[in-house]
C-alpha cells in the first residue's frame, strides 16, 4: 500500500493569503501546505480521501491519471470544494464513486446541484455515483475500510482505516468506544492544528496524548496551521515515532 499526502494544511492553507507570519514567508517547501487530503493506492487501485479546493493542482502534482473513488470525511469547504475538478477523470472513466455519510451527501447535492440535475444537466458537468456509508465496515476492491466516528466540535466526521493505515482529520474528541477500531494499527495519521487549544481540532498536546493512547508503530501529524511553527523546528521536538507530515510525503506499508 502506498500513501501520498496530497495536502497537510488547515482550511486556509499555508501560506495564508496576505499573512506576514514567518512560517508563511518560509522558503522551506515543507512549510507550504495545501488543504488536507491523502491518496491511498494498492495493487492497481487508487482512492482519495477528501476533495478540497486544491484538488486539481494536487492531482497534477501527484501525476495522478486515475481515481477509483473519493471518500469524504465531512462537508466543510476545505474537504469538498474541489468536486467539480473530477471532470477529467469522469470524462475518461465514467461516473465517479463518492463515499460519504448521508448528511454529507445531502450537503454535496445542495452545494453542487448542477451535478445532480437529471432533468436539464449541463453537458460539461461531472457525474457521480453516490454511495452512502455508515460506521459499518465496507469493502473497496478487496480491502476492508473501517469508518471511525470522530467529533469535530459538534460536527460528525469519519476517519478511515485501510488495513494497517488509519487516517483521522478534524478531530477534537473521539469516543472510547471507537478505540477498538484502531487496535494494532501500524501507521496513524491525526490532526494537530497548533500548540494553543482550539475549539474543534486537536492541538499538539492532545494529538500526542491520543498517539500515546493508540500506540501505533508510527504516527504522522496533519491539518497543520502556520501557528504550529516551522516544520524543521517542530519535528525536532516530537517523540521518535511521531513525524510532521508534509505535502508530497509518500509512505509504503
Protein backbone atom coordinates (compact mmCIF):
# COMPACT_ATOMS: atom_id res chain seq x y z
CA UNK A 1 0.00 0.00 0.00
CA UNK A 2 1.23 3.47 -0.90
CA UNK A 3 0.08 6.63 0.87
CA UNK A 4 0.63 10.09 -0.63
CA UNK A 5 -0.06 13.21 1.42
CA UNK A 6 -1.70 15.48 -1.16
CA UNK A 7 -2.16 18.28 1.36
CA UNK A 8 -1.34 18.73 5.04
CA UNK A 9 -2.56 22.25 5.77
CA UNK A 10 -5.52 23.67 7.59
CA UNK A 11 -8.54 25.30 5.93
CA UNK A 12 -6.63 28.43 4.83
CA UNK A 13 -3.56 26.56 3.64
CA UNK A 14 0.00 27.80 4.14
CA UNK A 15 0.96 30.46 3.28
CA UNK A 16 -2.20 32.25 4.34
CA UNK A 17 -3.26 34.98 1.93
CA UNK A 18 -1.78 38.33 2.95
CA UNK A 19 -0.02 36.96 6.02
CA UNK A 20 3.40 38.20 7.13
CA UNK A 21 3.78 35.40 9.68
CA UNK A 22 7.34 33.98 9.47
CA UNK A 23 6.07 30.48 8.61
CA UNK A 24 4.01 31.89 5.75
CA UNK A 25 7.17 33.58 4.44
CA UNK A 26 9.31 30.46 4.79
CA UNK A 27 11.27 29.23 1.76
CA UNK A 28 11.21 25.63 3.01
CA UNK A 29 8.88 23.58 0.76
CA UNK A 30 7.78 21.59 3.81
CA UNK A 31 6.24 24.79 5.24
CA UNK A 32 3.97 25.20 2.19
CA UNK A 33 0.79 23.23 2.74
CA UNK A 34 -2.27 22.71 0.55
CA UNK A 35 -5.64 21.78 2.01
CA UNK A 36 -5.66 18.40 3.70
CA UNK A 37 -6.09 15.19 1.68
CA UNK A 38 -4.43 11.81 1.14
CA UNK A 39 -4.26 9.33 -1.72
CA UNK A 40 -4.31 5.62 -0.91
CA UNK A 41 -3.11 3.10 -3.52
CA UNK A 42 -2.87 -0.69 -3.52
CA UNK A 43 -2.49 -3.10 -6.42
CA UNK A 44 -3.89 -1.09 -9.35
CA UNK A 45 -6.45 0.80 -7.25
CA UNK A 46 -6.38 4.47 -6.24
CA UNK A 47 -8.69 6.26 -3.80
CA UNK A 48 -8.58 9.80 -2.47
CA UNK A 49 -9.83 10.97 0.93
CA UNK A 50 -11.47 14.40 0.54
CA UNK A 51 -11.55 16.66 -2.48
CA UNK A 52 -10.78 20.20 -1.37
CA UNK A 53 -10.19 23.43 -3.30
CA UNK A 54 -6.62 22.39 -4.18
CA UNK A 55 -7.70 19.07 -5.74
CA UNK A 56 -6.80 19.99 -9.34
CA UNK A 57 -3.26 21.03 -8.50
CA UNK A 58 -2.82 18.09 -6.13
CA UNK A 59 -3.72 15.64 -8.91
CA UNK A 60 -1.34 17.35 -11.35
CA UNK A 61 1.46 17.45 -8.79
CA UNK A 62 1.00 13.74 -7.97
CA UNK A 63 0.81 12.89 -11.71
CA UNK A 64 -2.39 11.01 -10.97
CA UNK A 65 -4.17 9.65 -14.06
CA UNK A 66 -6.87 7.52 -12.41
CA UNK A 67 -9.02 7.80 -9.29
CA UNK A 68 -11.33 4.90 -8.47
CA UNK A 69 -13.33 6.83 -5.89
CA UNK A 70 -13.37 9.60 -3.30
CA UNK A 71 -14.13 9.14 0.38
CA UNK A 72 -15.37 12.20 2.24
CA UNK A 73 -14.70 12.82 5.92
CA UNK A 74 -17.26 15.64 6.21
CA UNK A 75 -18.81 18.52 4.29
CA UNK A 76 -16.66 21.54 5.17
CA UNK A 77 -15.34 23.55 2.25
CA UNK A 78 -11.69 22.58 2.61
CA UNK A 79 -12.77 18.95 2.14
CA UNK A 80 -15.36 19.14 -0.67
CA UNK A 81 -14.89 22.35 -2.67
CA UNK A 82 -12.87 20.72 -5.46
CA UNK A 83 -15.57 18.32 -6.60
CA UNK A 84 -16.01 19.99 -10.00
CA UNK A 85 -12.37 19.20 -10.80
CA UNK A 86 -13.11 15.47 -11.01
CA UNK A 87 -14.34 16.13 -14.57
CA UNK A 88 -11.22 14.85 -16.41
CA UNK A 89 -11.49 11.56 -14.52
CA UNK A 90 -15.22 11.34 -15.23
CA UNK A 91 -14.77 12.02 -18.93
CA UNK A 92 -12.23 9.16 -19.14
CA UNK A 93 -13.63 6.72 -16.60
CA UNK A 94 -17.35 7.42 -16.20
CA UNK A 95 -19.28 8.38 -13.06
CA UNK A 96 -17.02 8.97 -10.05
CA UNK A 97 -17.96 6.89 -6.98
CA UNK A 98 -18.17 9.08 -3.90
CA UNK A 99 -18.47 7.59 -0.42
CA UNK A 100 -19.92 9.68 2.40
CA UNK A 101 -22.31 9.87 5.32
CA UNK A 102 -25.93 10.63 4.34
CA UNK A 103 -25.66 14.16 5.77
CA UNK A 104 -22.52 14.84 3.77
CA UNK A 105 -24.08 13.58 0.54
CA UNK A 106 -27.05 15.88 1.11
CA UNK A 107 -24.71 18.84 1.62
CA UNK A 108 -22.81 18.00 -1.56
CA UNK A 109 -26.08 17.76 -3.52
CA UNK A 110 -27.05 21.22 -2.30
CA UNK A 111 -23.67 22.79 -2.99
CA UNK A 112 -23.22 21.16 -6.40
CA UNK A 113 -26.83 20.99 -7.51
CA UNK A 114 -25.91 21.11 -11.21
CA UNK A 115 -24.03 17.82 -10.84
CA UNK A 116 -27.24 16.09 -9.76
CA UNK A 117 -29.68 17.81 -12.14
CA UNK A 118 -31.06 14.92 -14.16
CA UNK A 119 -33.74 16.95 -15.96
CA UNK A 120 -31.58 19.65 -17.55
CA UNK A 121 -27.99 18.69 -16.85
CA UNK A 122 -25.26 20.83 -18.36
CA UNK A 123 -23.29 18.58 -20.76
CA UNK A 124 -19.88 19.51 -19.29
CA UNK A 125 -20.84 18.84 -15.68
CA UNK A 126 -19.23 15.97 -13.78
CA UNK A 127 -21.28 12.98 -12.74
CA UNK A 128 -21.01 10.85 -9.63
CA UNK A 129 -22.19 7.57 -8.19
CA UNK A 130 -23.32 8.28 -4.62
CA UNK A 131 -22.55 5.57 -2.08
CA UNK A 132 -23.90 6.24 1.40
CA UNK A 133 -21.76 4.85 4.19
CA UNK A 134 -22.37 4.45 7.90
CA UNK A 135 -19.91 3.36 10.55
CA UNK A 136 -20.23 -0.21 9.28
CA UNK A 137 -17.08 -1.50 7.53
CA UNK A 138 -17.25 -1.82 3.75
CA UNK A 139 -15.01 -3.21 1.02
CA UNK A 140 -13.09 -1.44 -1.73
CA UNK A 141 -11.51 -3.78 -4.27
CA UNK A 142 -10.83 -6.49 -1.73
CA UNK A 143 -9.67 -4.15 1.05
CA UNK A 144 -11.80 -3.64 4.16
CA UNK A 145 -12.34 0.02 5.06
CA UNK A 146 -13.46 0.81 8.60
CA UNK A 147 -15.12 4.20 9.24
CA UNK A 148 -14.16 5.78 12.56
CA UNK A 149 -16.54 8.21 14.27
CA UNK A 150 -14.85 11.48 15.23
CA UNK A 151 -16.20 14.67 16.80
CA UNK A 152 -15.18 17.97 15.16
CA UNK A 153 -16.73 20.13 17.87
CA UNK A 154 -20.44 19.46 17.10
CA UNK A 155 -19.83 18.12 13.55
CA UNK A 156 -19.59 14.39 12.98
CA UNK A 157 -16.56 13.36 10.91
CA UNK A 158 -15.44 10.00 9.56
CA UNK A 159 -11.87 8.83 9.89
CA UNK A 160 -10.95 5.73 7.89
CA UNK A 161 -8.89 2.63 8.47
CA UNK A 162 -7.41 0.97 5.39
CA UNK A 163 -5.75 -2.21 6.61
CA UNK A 164 -2.87 -1.14 8.87
CA UNK A 165 -3.26 2.56 7.98
CA UNK A 166 -5.60 4.96 9.84
CA UNK A 167 -6.37 8.48 8.66
CA UNK A 168 -8.17 10.89 11.00
CA UNK A 169 -8.53 14.60 10.41
CA UNK A 170 -10.55 17.41 12.01
CA UNK A 171 -10.82 15.60 15.33
CA UNK A 172 -11.44 17.28 18.66
CA UNK A 173 -12.72 14.27 20.59
CA UNK A 174 -13.01 10.55 19.85
CA UNK A 175 -15.20 8.33 21.99
CA UNK A 176 -13.52 5.47 23.80
CA UNK A 177 -15.85 3.03 22.01
CA UNK A 178 -14.08 3.84 18.72
CA UNK A 179 -10.62 2.96 20.01
CA UNK A 180 -11.10 -0.75 19.31
CA UNK A 181 -11.10 0.13 15.59
CA UNK A 182 -7.54 1.40 15.97
CA UNK A 183 -6.12 -1.69 17.65
CA UNK A 184 -2.69 -2.79 16.36
CA UNK A 185 -2.57 -0.04 13.73
CA UNK A 186 0.88 0.41 12.21
CA UNK A 187 0.54 3.94 10.85
CA UNK A 188 -1.76 6.58 12.35
CA UNK A 189 -2.37 10.00 10.82
CA UNK A 190 -4.00 12.53 13.15
CA UNK A 191 -4.63 16.27 13.04
CA UNK A 192 -2.58 18.70 15.14
CA UNK A 193 -3.56 22.27 14.36
CA UNK A 194 -1.29 24.31 16.65
CA UNK A 195 0.03 24.43 20.22
CA UNK A 196 -2.73 26.64 21.62
CA UNK A 197 -6.03 24.81 22.31
CA UNK A 198 -8.73 25.05 19.65
CA UNK A 199 -12.49 24.51 19.94
CA UNK A 200 -12.77 21.94 17.13
CA UNK A 201 -9.30 20.47 16.47
CA UNK A 202 -6.66 18.61 18.43
CA UNK A 203 -3.80 20.85 19.40
CA UNK A 204 -0.31 19.34 19.53
CA UNK A 205 -0.59 18.21 23.13
CA UNK A 206 -3.94 16.49 22.51
CA UNK A 207 -2.66 14.80 19.35
CA UNK A 208 0.40 13.44 21.13
CA UNK A 209 -1.75 12.18 24.01
CA UNK A 210 -4.01 10.38 21.51
CA UNK A 211 -0.99 8.82 19.82
CA UNK A 212 0.26 7.58 23.20
CA UNK A 213 -3.16 6.04 23.81
CA UNK A 214 -3.37 4.27 20.44
CA UNK A 215 0.31 3.21 20.36
CA UNK A 216 0.85 2.92 16.61
CA UNK A 217 4.26 1.95 15.24
CA UNK A 218 4.43 5.36 13.56
CA UNK A 219 2.28 8.47 13.66
CA UNK A 220 2.08 11.47 11.34
CA UNK A 221 0.56 14.86 12.13
CA UNK A 222 -1.56 16.68 9.55
CA UNK A 223 -4.12 19.52 9.18
CA UNK A 224 -1.42 21.88 10.34
CA UNK A 225 -1.67 25.65 10.82
CA UNK A 226 1.19 28.07 10.34
CA UNK A 227 0.80 28.76 14.07
CA UNK A 228 2.30 25.36 14.88
CA UNK A 229 5.65 26.67 13.71
CA UNK A 230 8.38 25.85 11.22
CA UNK A 231 8.39 22.24 10.06
CA UNK A 232 12.01 21.51 10.90
CA UNK A 233 11.81 23.09 14.36
CA UNK A 234 8.61 21.29 15.32
CA UNK A 235 9.95 17.95 14.11
CA UNK A 236 12.93 18.20 16.47
CA UNK A 237 10.56 18.40 19.46
CA UNK A 238 8.45 15.34 18.57
CA UNK A 239 8.79 11.81 20.01
CA UNK A 240 10.94 9.46 17.95
CA UNK A 241 7.99 7.65 16.30
CA UNK A 242 5.99 10.82 15.53
CA UNK A 243 6.52 12.83 12.38
CA UNK A 244 5.21 16.06 10.96
CA UNK A 245 3.65 15.17 7.61
CA UNK A 246 4.27 17.44 4.64
CA UNK A 247 2.86 17.78 1.15
CA UNK A 248 4.11 15.11 -1.29
CA UNK A 249 5.31 12.82 1.51
CA UNK A 250 4.95 9.19 0.40
CA UNK A 251 4.69 6.17 2.70
CA UNK A 252 4.80 2.48 1.82
CA UNK A 253 3.14 -0.10 4.06
